[in-house]
C-alpha atoms as a PDB file:
ATOM      1  CA  MET A   1     -44.141  25.663   3.562  1.00  0.00           C
ATOM      2  CA  ASP A   2     -44.805  24.801  -0.106  1.00  0.00           C
ATOM      3  CA  ARG A   3     -42.060  27.148  -1.256  1.00  0.00           C
ATOM      4  CA  PHE A   4     -39.624  25.612   1.203  1.00  0.00           C
ATOM      5  CA  ALA A   5     -40.562  22.108   0.022  1.00  0.00           C
ATOM      6  CA  GLU A   6     -40.084  23.213  -3.586  1.00  0.00           C
ATOM      7  CA  LEU A   7     -36.630  24.603  -2.830  1.00  0.00           C
ATOM      8  CA  LYS A   8     -35.641  21.467  -0.935  1.00  0.00           C
ATOM      9  CA  ALA A   9     -36.860  19.183  -3.709  1.00  0.00           C
ATOM     10  CA  PHE A  10     -35.184  21.193  -6.482  1.00  0.00           C
ATOM     11  CA  CYS A  11     -31.825  21.436  -4.669  1.00  0.00           C
ATOM     12  CA  THR A  12     -31.858  17.734  -3.868  1.00  0.00           C
ATOM     13  CA  VAL A  13     -32.604  16.795  -7.499  1.00  0.00           C
ATOM     14  CA  ALA A  14     -29.803  19.083  -8.664  1.00  0.00           C
ATOM     15  CA  ALA A  15     -27.367  17.629  -6.124  1.00  0.00           C
ATOM     16  CA  THR A  16     -28.192  13.978  -6.819  1.00  0.00           C
ATOM     17  CA  GLY A  17     -28.696  14.298 -10.569  1.00  0.00           C
ATOM     18  CA  GLY A  18     -32.088  12.645 -10.673  1.00  0.00           C
ATOM     19  CA  PHE A  19     -35.617  12.524  -9.305  1.00  0.00           C
ATOM     20  CA  SER A  20     -35.405   8.954  -8.007  1.00  0.00           C
ATOM     21  CA  PRO A  21     -32.247   9.450  -5.881  1.00  0.00           C
ATOM     22  CA  ALA A  22     -33.647  12.765  -4.650  1.00  0.00           C
ATOM     23  CA  ALA A  23     -36.855  11.026  -3.617  1.00  0.00           C
ATOM     24  CA  ARG A  24     -34.898   8.374  -1.712  1.00  0.00           C
ATOM     25  CA  ARG A  25     -32.907  11.032   0.123  1.00  0.00           C
ATOM     26  CA  LEU A  26     -36.000  13.039   1.010  1.00  0.00           C
ATOM     27  CA  GLY A  27     -38.113  10.027   1.935  1.00  0.00           C
ATOM     28  CA  LEU A  28     -40.742  10.844  -0.683  1.00  0.00           C
ATOM     29  CA  VAL A  29     -42.118   9.099  -3.748  1.00  0.00           C
ATOM     30  CA  THR A  30     -40.595  10.183  -7.067  1.00  0.00           C
ATOM     31  CA  SER A  31     -43.864  11.637  -8.368  1.00  0.00           C
ATOM     32  CA  SER A  32     -44.106  13.952  -5.341  1.00  0.00           C
ATOM     33  CA  VAL A  33     -40.611  15.313  -5.968  1.00  0.00           C
ATOM     34  CA  ALA A  34     -41.425  15.846  -9.649  1.00  0.00           C
ATOM     35  CA  ARG A  35     -44.635  17.743  -8.751  1.00  0.00           C
ATOM     36  CA  LEU A  36     -42.731  20.030  -6.371  1.00  0.00           C
ATOM     37  CA  VAL A  37     -40.135  20.887  -9.000  1.00  0.00           C
ATOM     38  CA  ASP A  38     -42.830  21.386 -11.647  1.00  0.00           C
ATOM     39  CA  ALA A  39     -44.660  23.747  -9.289  1.00  0.00           C
ATOM     40  CA  LEU A  40     -41.459  25.721  -8.690  1.00  0.00           C
ATOM     41  CA  GLU A  41     -40.777  26.077 -12.412  1.00  0.00           C
ATOM     42  CA  GLY A  42     -44.398  27.059 -13.020  1.00  0.00           C
ATOM     43  CA  ARG A  43     -44.311  29.716 -10.311  1.00  0.00           C
ATOM     44  CA  LEU A  44     -41.044  31.150 -11.642  1.00  0.00           C
ATOM     45  CA  GLY A  45     -41.969  30.833 -15.287  1.00  0.00           C
ATOM     46  CA  ALA A  46     -38.543  29.355 -16.020  1.00  0.00           C
ATOM     47  CA  VAL A  47     -37.131  25.950 -16.880  1.00  0.00           C
ATOM     48  CA  LEU A  48     -34.565  25.009 -14.222  1.00  0.00           C
ATOM     49  CA  LEU A  49     -33.772  21.423 -15.214  1.00  0.00           C
ATOM     50  CA  ASN A  50     -32.957  19.681 -18.459  1.00  0.00           C
ATOM     51  CA  ARG A  51     -34.704  16.320 -18.293  1.00  0.00           C
ATOM     52  CA  SER A  52     -33.846  13.279 -20.363  1.00  0.00           C
ATOM     53  CA  THR A  53     -34.327   9.551 -19.941  1.00  0.00           C
ATOM     54  CA  ARG A  54     -30.682   9.254 -18.866  1.00  0.00           C
ATOM     55  CA  SER A  55     -29.954  12.338 -16.786  1.00  0.00           C
ATOM     56  CA  VAL A  56     -31.189  15.531 -15.195  1.00  0.00           C
ATOM     57  CA  THR A  57     -28.975  18.599 -15.495  1.00  0.00           C
ATOM     58  CA  LEU A  58     -29.278  22.268 -14.636  1.00  0.00           C
ATOM     59  CA  THR A  59     -30.148  24.876 -17.240  1.00  0.00           C
ATOM     60  CA  ASP A  60     -28.293  28.204 -17.096  1.00  0.00           C
ATOM     61  CA  ALA A  61     -31.200  29.687 -15.177  1.00  0.00           C
ATOM     62  CA  GLY A  62     -31.324  26.596 -12.987  1.00  0.00           C
ATOM     63  CA  ARG A  63     -27.639  26.872 -12.104  1.00  0.00           C
ATOM     64  CA  THR A  64     -28.042  30.477 -10.976  1.00  0.00           C
ATOM     65  CA  TYR A  65     -31.183  29.656  -9.010  1.00  0.00           C
ATOM     66  CA  TYR A  66     -29.569  26.568  -7.441  1.00  0.00           C
ATOM     67  CA  GLU A  67     -26.654  28.558  -6.049  1.00  0.00           C
ATOM     68  CA  GLU A  68     -28.979  31.105  -4.452  1.00  0.00           C
ATOM     69  CA  ALA A  69     -31.444  28.483  -3.227  1.00  0.00           C
ATOM     70  CA  LEU A  70     -28.660  26.468  -1.634  1.00  0.00           C
ATOM     71  CA  ARG A  71     -27.525  29.524   0.308  1.00  0.00           C
ATOM     72  CA  ILE A  72     -31.073  30.063   1.550  1.00  0.00           C
ATOM     73  CA  LEU A  73     -31.380  26.466   2.751  1.00  0.00           C
ATOM     74  CA  GLU A  74     -27.984  26.642   4.433  1.00  0.00           C
ATOM     75  CA  ARG A  75     -28.971  29.848   6.228  1.00  0.00           C
ATOM     76  CA  LEU A  76     -32.195  28.206   7.382  1.00  0.00           C
ATOM     77  CA  ASP A  77     -30.198  25.252   8.739  1.00  0.00           C
ATOM     78  CA  ALA A  78     -27.864  27.663  10.507  1.00  0.00           C
ATOM     79  CA  ALA A  79     -30.822  29.534  12.024  1.00  0.00           C
ATOM     80  CA  ASP A  80     -32.329  26.266  13.270  1.00  0.00           C
ATOM     81  CA  GLU A  81     -29.040  25.285  14.890  1.00  0.00           C
ATOM     82  CA  ALA A  82     -28.595  28.703  16.485  1.00  0.00           C
ATOM     83  CA  ALA A  83     -32.058  28.501  18.026  1.00  0.00           C
ATOM     84  CA  ALA A  84     -31.588  24.956  19.299  1.00  0.00           C
ATOM     85  CA  ASP A  85     -30.059  24.343  22.713  1.00  0.00           C
ATOM     86  CA  GLY A  86     -26.872  22.515  21.686  1.00  0.00           C
ATOM     87  CA  ALA A  87     -26.130  20.275  18.718  1.00  0.00           C
ATOM     88  CA  ALA A  88     -29.215  18.519  17.370  1.00  0.00           C
ATOM     89  CA  GLY A  89     -30.469  16.860  14.219  1.00  0.00           C
ATOM     90  CA  VAL A  90     -28.778  14.600  11.686  1.00  0.00           C
ATOM     91  CA  LEU A  91     -25.053  14.977  10.988  1.00  0.00           C
ATOM     92  CA  ARG A  92     -23.809  13.099   7.934  1.00  0.00           C
ATOM     93  CA  VAL A  93     -20.125  12.201   8.165  1.00  0.00           C
ATOM     94  CA  ALA A  94     -18.068  10.492   5.455  1.00  0.00           C
ATOM     95  CA  ALA A  95     -14.823   8.848   6.561  1.00  0.00           C
ATOM     96  CA  PRO A  96     -12.377   6.054   5.657  1.00  0.00           C
ATOM     97  CA  VAL A  97     -13.276   2.630   7.019  1.00  0.00           C
ATOM     98  CA  THR A  98     -10.196   1.636   9.040  1.00  0.00           C
ATOM     99  CA  PHE A  99      -9.655   5.140  10.424  1.00  0.00           C
ATOM    100  CA  SER A 100     -13.261   5.227  11.598  1.00  0.00           C
ATOM    101  CA  THR A 101     -12.942   1.842  13.288  1.00  0.00           C
ATOM    102  CA  LEU A 102      -9.897   2.995  15.243  1.00  0.00           C
ATOM    103  CA  TYR A 103     -10.705   6.630  15.990  1.00  0.00           C
ATOM    104  CA  VAL A 104     -14.329   7.553  15.251  1.00  0.00           C
ATOM    105  CA  ALA A 105     -16.043   4.575  16.874  1.00  0.00           C
ATOM    106  CA  PRO A 106     -14.346   5.161  20.279  1.00  0.00           C
ATOM    107  CA  ILE A 107     -15.713   8.734  20.545  1.00  0.00           C
ATOM    108  CA  LEU A 108     -19.338   7.764  19.922  1.00  0.00           C
ATOM    109  CA  PRO A 109     -20.245   7.247  23.613  1.00  0.00           C
ATOM    110  CA  ALA A 110     -18.797  10.651  24.533  1.00  0.00           C
ATOM    111  CA  LEU A 111     -20.549  12.297  21.574  1.00  0.00           C
ATOM    112  CA  ARG A 112     -23.835  10.775  22.693  1.00  0.00           C
ATOM    113  CA  ALA A 113     -23.320  11.872  26.285  1.00  0.00           C
ATOM    114  CA  ARG A 114     -22.478  15.455  25.323  1.00  0.00           C
ATOM    115  CA  HIS A 115     -25.064  15.851  22.567  1.00  0.00           C
ATOM    116  CA  PRO A 116     -27.973  13.451  23.148  1.00  0.00           C
ATOM    117  CA  ARG A 117     -30.114  15.050  20.414  1.00  0.00           C
ATOM    118  CA  LEU A 118     -27.472  14.665  17.711  1.00  0.00           C
ATOM    119  CA  ILE A 119     -28.065  11.823  15.235  1.00  0.00           C
ATOM    120  CA  LEU A 120     -24.845  10.650  13.570  1.00  0.00           C
ATOM    121  CA  ASP A 121     -25.126   9.177  10.067  1.00  0.00           C
ATOM    122  CA  LEU A 122     -21.736   7.643   9.272  1.00  0.00           C
ATOM    123  CA  ARG A 123     -20.915   6.896   5.620  1.00  0.00           C
ATOM    124  CA  LEU A 124     -17.790   4.726   5.645  1.00  0.00           C
ATOM    125  CA  ASP A 125     -15.882   4.386   2.390  1.00  0.00           C
ATOM    126  CA  ASP A 126     -12.209   4.679   1.464  1.00  0.00           C
ATOM    127  CA  ALA A 127     -13.144   6.584  -1.704  1.00  0.00           C
ATOM    128  CA  PRO A 128     -13.486  10.375  -1.230  1.00  0.00           C
ATOM    129  CA  ALA A 129     -17.072  11.531  -0.855  1.00  0.00           C
ATOM    130  CA  ASN A 130     -18.571  14.410  -2.821  1.00  0.00           C
ATOM    131  CA  LEU A 131     -19.957  16.687  -0.123  1.00  0.00           C
ATOM    132  CA  VAL A 132     -22.553  18.334  -2.349  1.00  0.00           C
ATOM    133  CA  ASP A 133     -23.747  15.349  -4.369  1.00  0.00           C
ATOM    134  CA  GLU A 134     -23.985  13.089  -1.317  1.00  0.00           C
ATOM    135  CA  ALA A 135     -25.297  15.761   1.096  1.00  0.00           C
ATOM    136  CA  ILE A 136     -22.344  15.222   3.437  1.00  0.00           C
ATOM    137  CA  ASP A 137     -21.874  17.635   6.339  1.00  0.00           C
ATOM    138  CA  VAL A 138     -18.313  16.617   7.242  1.00  0.00           C
ATOM    139  CA  ALA A 139     -15.782  14.502   5.358  1.00  0.00           C
ATOM    140  CA  ILE A 140     -12.625  13.117   6.933  1.00  0.00           C
ATOM    141  CA  ARG A 141      -9.850  13.224   4.352  1.00  0.00           C
ATOM    142  CA  ILE A 142      -6.329  11.836   4.530  1.00  0.00           C
ATOM    143  CA  GLY A 143      -3.626  13.292   2.307  1.00  0.00           C
ATOM    144  CA  SER A 144      -2.732  16.727   0.956  1.00  0.00           C
ATOM    145  CA  LEU A 145      -5.540  19.082  -0.044  1.00  0.00           C
ATOM    146  CA  ASP A 146      -5.773  21.828  -2.615  1.00  0.00           C
ATOM    147  CA  PRO A 147      -7.311  25.003  -1.142  1.00  0.00           C
ATOM    148  CA  GLN A 148     -10.958  25.524  -2.095  1.00  0.00           C
ATOM    149  CA  SER A 149     -12.723  28.767  -1.271  1.00  0.00           C
ATOM    150  CA  ASN A 150     -16.059  27.055  -0.649  1.00  0.00           C
ATOM    151  CA  LEU A 151     -14.657  24.521   1.836  1.00  0.00           C
ATOM    152  CA  VAL A 152     -13.005  24.663   5.249  1.00  0.00           C
ATOM    153  CA  ALA A 153     -10.173  22.154   5.701  1.00  0.00           C
ATOM    154  CA  ARG A 154      -9.422  21.824   9.401  1.00  0.00           C
ATOM    155  CA  LYS A 155      -6.239  19.874  10.099  1.00  0.00           C
ATOM    156  CA  LEU A 156      -6.792  17.402  12.907  1.00  0.00           C
ATOM    157  CA  ALA A 157      -3.412  15.647  13.024  1.00  0.00           C
ATOM    158  CA  ALA A 158      -0.316  14.892  11.031  1.00  0.00           C
ATOM    159  CA  HIS A 159      -0.420  11.945   8.660  1.00  0.00           C
ATOM    160  CA  ASP A 160       3.047  10.668   9.473  1.00  0.00           C
ATOM    161  CA  ARG A 161       4.050   7.380   7.922  1.00  0.00           C
ATOM    162  CA  VAL A 162       6.584   5.001   9.385  1.00  0.00           C
ATOM    163  CA  LEU A 163       8.530   2.030   8.112  1.00  0.00           C
ATOM    164  CA  CYS A 164       7.959  -0.923  10.396  1.00  0.00           C
ATOM    165  CA  ALA A 165       8.433  -4.677  10.634  1.00  0.00           C
ATOM    166  CA  SER A 166       7.879  -7.431  13.144  1.00  0.00           C
ATOM    167  CA  PRO A 167      10.649  -8.356  15.607  1.00  0.00           C
ATOM    168  CA  ALA A 168      10.754 -11.818  14.003  1.00  0.00           C
ATOM    169  CA  TYR A 169      11.397 -10.411  10.513  1.00  0.00           C
ATOM    170  CA  LEU A 170      14.149  -8.107  11.777  1.00  0.00           C
ATOM    171  CA  ALA A 171      15.759 -10.947  13.762  1.00  0.00           C
ATOM    172  CA  ALA A 172      15.868 -13.096  10.619  1.00  0.00           C
ATOM    173  CA  HIS A 173      16.884 -10.432   8.079  1.00  0.00           C
ATOM    174  CA  GLY A 174      18.422  -7.580  10.050  1.00  0.00           C
ATOM    175  CA  ALA A 175      17.318  -3.954  10.032  1.00  0.00           C
ATOM    176  CA  PRO A 176      18.342  -1.623   7.176  1.00  0.00           C
ATOM    177  CA  ASP A 177      20.526   1.261   8.310  1.00  0.00           C
ATOM    178  CA  THR A 178      20.219   3.408   5.173  1.00  0.00           C
ATOM    179  CA  PRO A 179      17.398   3.955   2.670  1.00  0.00           C
ATOM    180  CA  ILE A 180      19.284   2.193  -0.118  1.00  0.00           C
ATOM    181  CA  ALA A 181      19.544  -0.929   2.076  1.00  0.00           C
ATOM    182  CA  LEU A 182      15.776  -1.368   1.657  1.00  0.00           C
ATOM    183  CA  ALA A 183      16.503  -2.819  -1.784  1.00  0.00           C
ATOM    184  CA  ALA A 184      17.716  -6.017  -0.105  1.00  0.00           C
ATOM    185  CA  HIS A 185      14.492  -6.487   1.903  1.00  0.00           C
ATOM    186  CA  ASP A 186      10.963  -7.699   1.280  1.00  0.00           C
ATOM    187  CA  CYS A 187       8.905  -4.513   1.244  1.00  0.00           C
ATOM    188  CA  LEU A 188       5.133  -4.732   1.610  1.00  0.00           C
ATOM    189  CA  GLN A 189       3.746  -2.230  -0.862  1.00  0.00           C
ATOM    190  CA  PHE A 190       0.518  -0.341  -1.227  1.00  0.00           C
ATOM    191  CA  ALA A 191      -0.824  -0.993  -4.737  1.00  0.00           C
ATOM    192  CA  PHE A 192      -1.189   2.489  -6.209  1.00  0.00           C
ATOM    193  CA  GLY A 193      -3.058   2.745  -9.486  1.00  0.00           C
ATOM    194  CA  ALA A 194       0.000   4.059 -11.327  1.00  0.00           C
ATOM    195  CA  GLY A 195       2.050   1.034 -10.303  1.00  0.00           C
ATOM    196  CA  ARG A 196       4.586   3.063  -8.324  1.00  0.00           C
ATOM    197  CA  ARG A 197       7.321   0.894  -6.804  1.00  0.00           C
ATOM    198  CA  THR A 198       9.357   3.513  -4.982  1.00  0.00           C
ATOM    199  CA  TRP A 199       9.365   4.821  -1.436  1.00  0.00           C
ATOM    200  CA  ARG A 200      10.240   8.413  -0.674  1.00  0.00           C
ATOM    201  CA  LEU A 201      12.389   9.149   2.366  1.00  0.00           C
ATOM    202  CA  GLN A 202      13.859  12.314   3.813  1.00  0.00           C
ATOM    203  CA  ALA A 203      16.297  12.579   6.702  1.00  0.00           C
ATOM    204  CA  ASP A 204      14.962  14.415   9.750  1.00  0.00           C
ATOM    205  CA  ASP A 205      17.374  17.214   8.860  1.00  0.00           C
ATOM    206  CA  LEU A 206      14.918  19.396   6.922  1.00  0.00           C
ATOM    207  CA  ASP A 207      17.718  20.630   4.651  1.00  0.00           C
ATOM    208  CA  ALA A 208      18.240  17.103   3.359  1.00  0.00           C
ATOM    209  CA  ASP A 209      16.898  16.163  -0.052  1.00  0.00           C
ATOM    210  CA  ALA A 210      14.178  13.542  -0.304  1.00  0.00           C
ATOM    211  CA  GLU A 211      15.307  10.209  -1.764  1.00  0.00           C
ATOM    212  CA  ASP A 212      13.234   7.950  -3.992  1.00  0.00           C
ATOM    213  CA  VAL A 213      14.197   4.340  -3.308  1.00  0.00           C
ATOM    214  CA  GLU A 214      13.153   1.424  -5.516  1.00  0.00           C
ATOM    215  CA  VAL A 215      11.699  -1.406  -3.436  1.00  0.00           C
ATOM    216  CA  ARG A 216      10.486  -4.931  -4.123  1.00  0.00           C
ATOM    217  CA  GLY A 217       8.387  -7.486  -2.279  1.00  0.00           C
ATOM    218  CA  VAL A 218       6.039 -10.412  -2.579  1.00  0.00           C
ATOM    219  CA  VAL A 219       2.913  -8.673  -1.236  1.00  0.00           C
ATOM    220  CA  HIS A 220       1.115  -5.745  -2.882  1.00  0.00           C
ATOM    221  CA  ALA A 221      -2.303  -4.647  -1.622  1.00  0.00           C
ATOM    222  CA  ASN A 222      -4.628  -1.672  -1.969  1.00  0.00           C
ATOM    223  CA  ASN A 223      -5.639  -1.887   1.682  1.00  0.00           C
ATOM    224  CA  SER A 224      -3.423  -0.684   4.516  1.00  0.00           C
ATOM    225  CA  GLU A 225      -4.908  -3.049   7.095  1.00  0.00           C
ATOM    226  CA  VAL A 226      -3.902  -6.030   4.927  1.00  0.00           C
ATOM    227  CA  LEU A 227      -0.331  -4.699   4.797  1.00  0.00           C
ATOM    228  CA  ARG A 228      -0.372  -4.203   8.571  1.00  0.00           C
ATOM    229  CA  GLN A 229      -1.415  -7.823   9.091  1.00  0.00           C
ATOM    230  CA  ALA A 230       1.303  -8.973   6.670  1.00  0.00           C
ATOM    231  CA  ALA A 231       3.900  -6.972   8.605  1.00  0.00           C
ATOM    232  CA  LEU A 232       2.692  -8.435  11.910  1.00  0.00           C
ATOM    233  CA  GLY A 233       3.018 -11.871  10.322  1.00  0.00           C
ATOM    234  CA  GLY A 234       6.697 -11.294   9.572  1.00  0.00           C
ATOM    235  CA  LEU A 235       6.410 -10.982   5.789  1.00  0.00           C
ATOM    236  CA  GLY A 236       8.494  -7.844   5.423  1.00  0.00           C
ATOM    237  CA  ILE A 237       8.837  -4.105   5.990  1.00  0.00           C
ATOM    238  CA  ALA A 238       5.739  -1.942   5.483  1.00  0.00           C
ATOM    239  CA  MET A 239       5.211   1.780   5.070  1.00  0.00           C
ATOM    240  CA  LEU A 240       2.101   2.564   7.101  1.00  0.00           C
ATOM    241  CA  ALA A 241       0.373   5.515   8.698  1.00  0.00           C
ATOM    242  CA  ARG A 242       1.376   6.137  12.291  1.00  0.00           C
ATOM    243  CA  TRP A 243      -2.291   6.330  13.293  1.00  0.00           C
ATOM    244  CA  LEU A 244      -2.725   2.773  12.006  1.00  0.00           C
ATOM    245  CA  VAL A 245       0.274   1.171  13.753  1.00  0.00           C
ATOM    246  CA  GLN A 246       0.718   3.376  16.823  1.00  0.00           C
ATOM    247  CA  ARG A 247      -0.662   0.718  19.156  1.00  0.00           C
ATOM    248  CA  ASP A 248       1.494  -1.985  17.551  1.00  0.00           C
ATOM    249  CA  LEU A 249       4.619   0.135  17.982  1.00  0.00           C
ATOM    250  CA  ARG A 250       3.792   0.774  21.632  1.00  0.00           C
ATOM    251  CA  ALA A 251       3.097  -2.928  22.216  1.00  0.00           C
ATOM    252  CA  GLY A 252       6.328  -3.965  20.490  1.00  0.00           C
ATOM    253  CA  THR A 253       4.560  -6.192  17.965  1.00  0.00           C
ATOM    254  CA  LEU A 254       5.959  -3.902  15.280  1.00  0.00           C
ATOM    255  CA  VAL A 255       9.278  -2.067  15.384  1.00  0.00           C
ATOM    256  CA  GLN A 256      10.022   1.181  13.570  1.00  0.00           C
ATOM    257  CA  VAL A 257      12.694   0.915  10.864  1.00  0.00           C
ATOM    258  CA  LEU A 258      14.934   3.858   9.871  1.00  0.00           C
ATOM    259  CA  PRO A 259      13.492   6.086  12.617  1.00  0.00           C
ATOM    260  CA  GLY A 260      15.775   8.971  11.565  1.00  0.00           C
ATOM    261  CA  TYR A 261      13.803   9.428   8.340  1.00  0.00           C
ATOM    262  CA  ARG A 262      10.420  10.829   7.388  1.00  0.00           C
ATOM    263  CA  VAL A 263       8.668   8.540   4.955  1.00  0.00           C
ATOM    264  CA  ASN A 264       5.860   9.173   2.530  1.00  0.00           C
ATOM    265  CA  PRO A 265       5.096   7.938  -0.966  1.00  0.00           C
ATOM    266  CA  GLY A 266       4.031  11.412  -2.108  1.00  0.00           C
ATOM    267  CA  PRO A 267       4.233  15.022  -0.911  1.00  0.00           C
ATOM    268  CA  MET A 268       5.528  15.460   2.617  1.00  0.00           C
ATOM    269  CA  ASP A 269       2.836  18.005   3.613  1.00  0.00           C
ATOM    270  CA  VAL A 270      -0.030  15.609   4.277  1.00  0.00           C
ATOM    271  CA  GLY A 271      -2.427  15.383   7.170  1.00  0.00           C
ATOM    272  CA  LEU A 272      -5.761  14.257   8.580  1.00  0.00           C
ATOM    273  CA  TYR A 273      -8.428  16.825   7.777  1.00  0.00           C
ATOM    274  CA  ALA A 274     -12.058  17.532   8.535  1.00  0.00           C
ATOM    275  CA  LEU A 275     -13.626  19.057   5.432  1.00  0.00           C
ATOM    276  CA  TYR A 276     -16.922  20.943   5.513  1.00  0.00           C
ATOM    277  CA  PRO A 277     -18.656  23.760   3.595  1.00  0.00           C
ATOM    278  CA  ALA A 278     -17.403  27.257   4.393  1.00  0.00           C
ATOM    279  CA  SER A 279     -21.027  28.330   4.731  1.00  0.00           C
ATOM    280  CA  ARG A 280     -21.376  25.875   7.645  1.00  0.00           C
ATOM    281  CA  ARG A 281     -18.296  26.961   9.594  1.00  0.00           C
ATOM    282  CA  ASN A 282     -20.467  28.067  12.521  1.00  0.00           C
ATOM    283  CA  SER A 283     -22.623  24.943  12.566  1.00  0.00           C
ATOM    284  CA  THR A 284     -23.099  23.730  16.116  1.00  0.00           C
ATOM    285  CA  LYS A 285     -23.373  20.068  15.176  1.00  0.00           C
ATOM    286  CA  ILE A 286     -20.328  20.125  12.877  1.00  0.00           C
ATOM    287  CA  ARG A 287     -18.311  21.852  15.570  1.00  0.00           C
ATOM    288  CA  ALA A 288     -19.471  19.319  18.178  1.00  0.00           C
ATOM    289  CA  PHE A 289     -18.260  16.330  16.158  1.00  0.00           C
ATOM    290  CA  VAL A 290     -15.039  17.823  14.805  1.00  0.00           C
ATOM    291  CA  ASP A 291     -13.971  19.274  18.173  1.00  0.00           C
ATOM    292  CA  LEU A 292     -14.432  15.930  19.904  1.00  0.00           C
ATOM    293  CA  LEU A 293     -12.542  14.046  17.180  1.00  0.00           C
ATOM    294  CA  ALA A 294      -9.694  16.583  17.305  1.00  0.00           C
ATOM    295  CA  GLU A 295      -9.564  16.242  21.085  1.00  0.00           C
ATOM    296  CA  HIS A 296      -9.402  12.449  20.805  1.00  0.00           C
ATOM    297  CA  LEU A 297      -6.675  12.495  18.145  1.00  0.00           C
ATOM    298  CA  ALA A 298      -4.576  14.952  20.141  1.00  0.00           C
ATOM    299  CA  ALA A 299      -4.584  12.502  23.055  1.00  0.00           C
ATOM    300  CA  GLN A 300      -3.216   9.730  20.805  1.00  0.00           C
ATOM    301  CA  ASP A 301       0.122  11.520  20.142  1.00  0.00           C
ATOM    302  CA  LEU A 302      -0.125  11.135  16.374  1.00  0.00           C
ATOM    303  CA  GLY A 303       1.908  14.239  15.552  1.00  0.00           C
ATOM    304  CA  ASP A 304       1.002  17.867  14.936  1.00  0.00           C
ATOM    305  CA  HIS A 305      -2.653  18.747  15.244  1.00  0.00           C
ATOM    306  CA  VAL A 306      -4.758  21.872  15.111  1.00  0.00           C
ATOM    307  CA  SER A 307      -6.981  22.164  18.164  1.00  0.00           C
ATOM    308  CA  GLU A 308      -8.841  25.242  16.955  1.00  0.00           C
ATOM    309  CA  PRO A 309     -10.745  25.601  13.681  1.00  0.00           C
ATOM    310  CA  PRO A 310      -9.530  28.129  11.098  1.00  0.00           C
ATOM    311  CA  ALA A 311     -11.046  31.577  11.311  1.00  0.00           C
END
């Protein structure tokens, strides 16, 4: 038990970068965490952590030990899950705020009914979470991902974007019939850090080249829900994710513009992904949450989705 506690304390300090945050995560006092790590180093006869008043970092020996210790803890977690009857324990999920409001919150009753011993710890933030540093089990990511050997990226749905405007705006200003015609309209723009003021469109004919169109408008925002509200209020044409405006399009409160084009401000190969450690691919509780979310998204007709996890 002491050796397990030592491993847990050391790995948590290494992941969080400090004794105080590790203590908060473990529910211990800082001095207890320090004693556990000291005991581990004493037993091994090796210094695993460089300590300073500003930071705690791994030594070369500590880095090697951390990688092996983390595998041991992950295997123990996997063994616990395999022995349990169904998904149980705490599942930490990081996800964007608006997406979670629309698509994660509605599945919570079903998740509870299917897995009553599963405790869901939702961390909602539009900034990407660091799975290791924040001890996240599953992260929902939106965009295009670079392959990483230590992570599984399960595609849940397409991340199609659409151009849309309110019926009132289109009645007053007309609907553009070509991408270049967008230059004459008020375009509600997402405020990217680089100050990009172009929209990228590609005709549904996949052989067509993508076009970068310069747009202008009186509203810029770094929050998609604000742009959605501005579009509903008749302030212009917005480029928004289909998952965000699907209900508005069905209700007729927003109308799709240039429906013969795919639209995206960046690469066209983007999607909604569930990201989790490759070492946890067989985790019962991860599978329980991700399967249910994938099932829910598939029913929303948001575009291509992957109903089965990668092998």
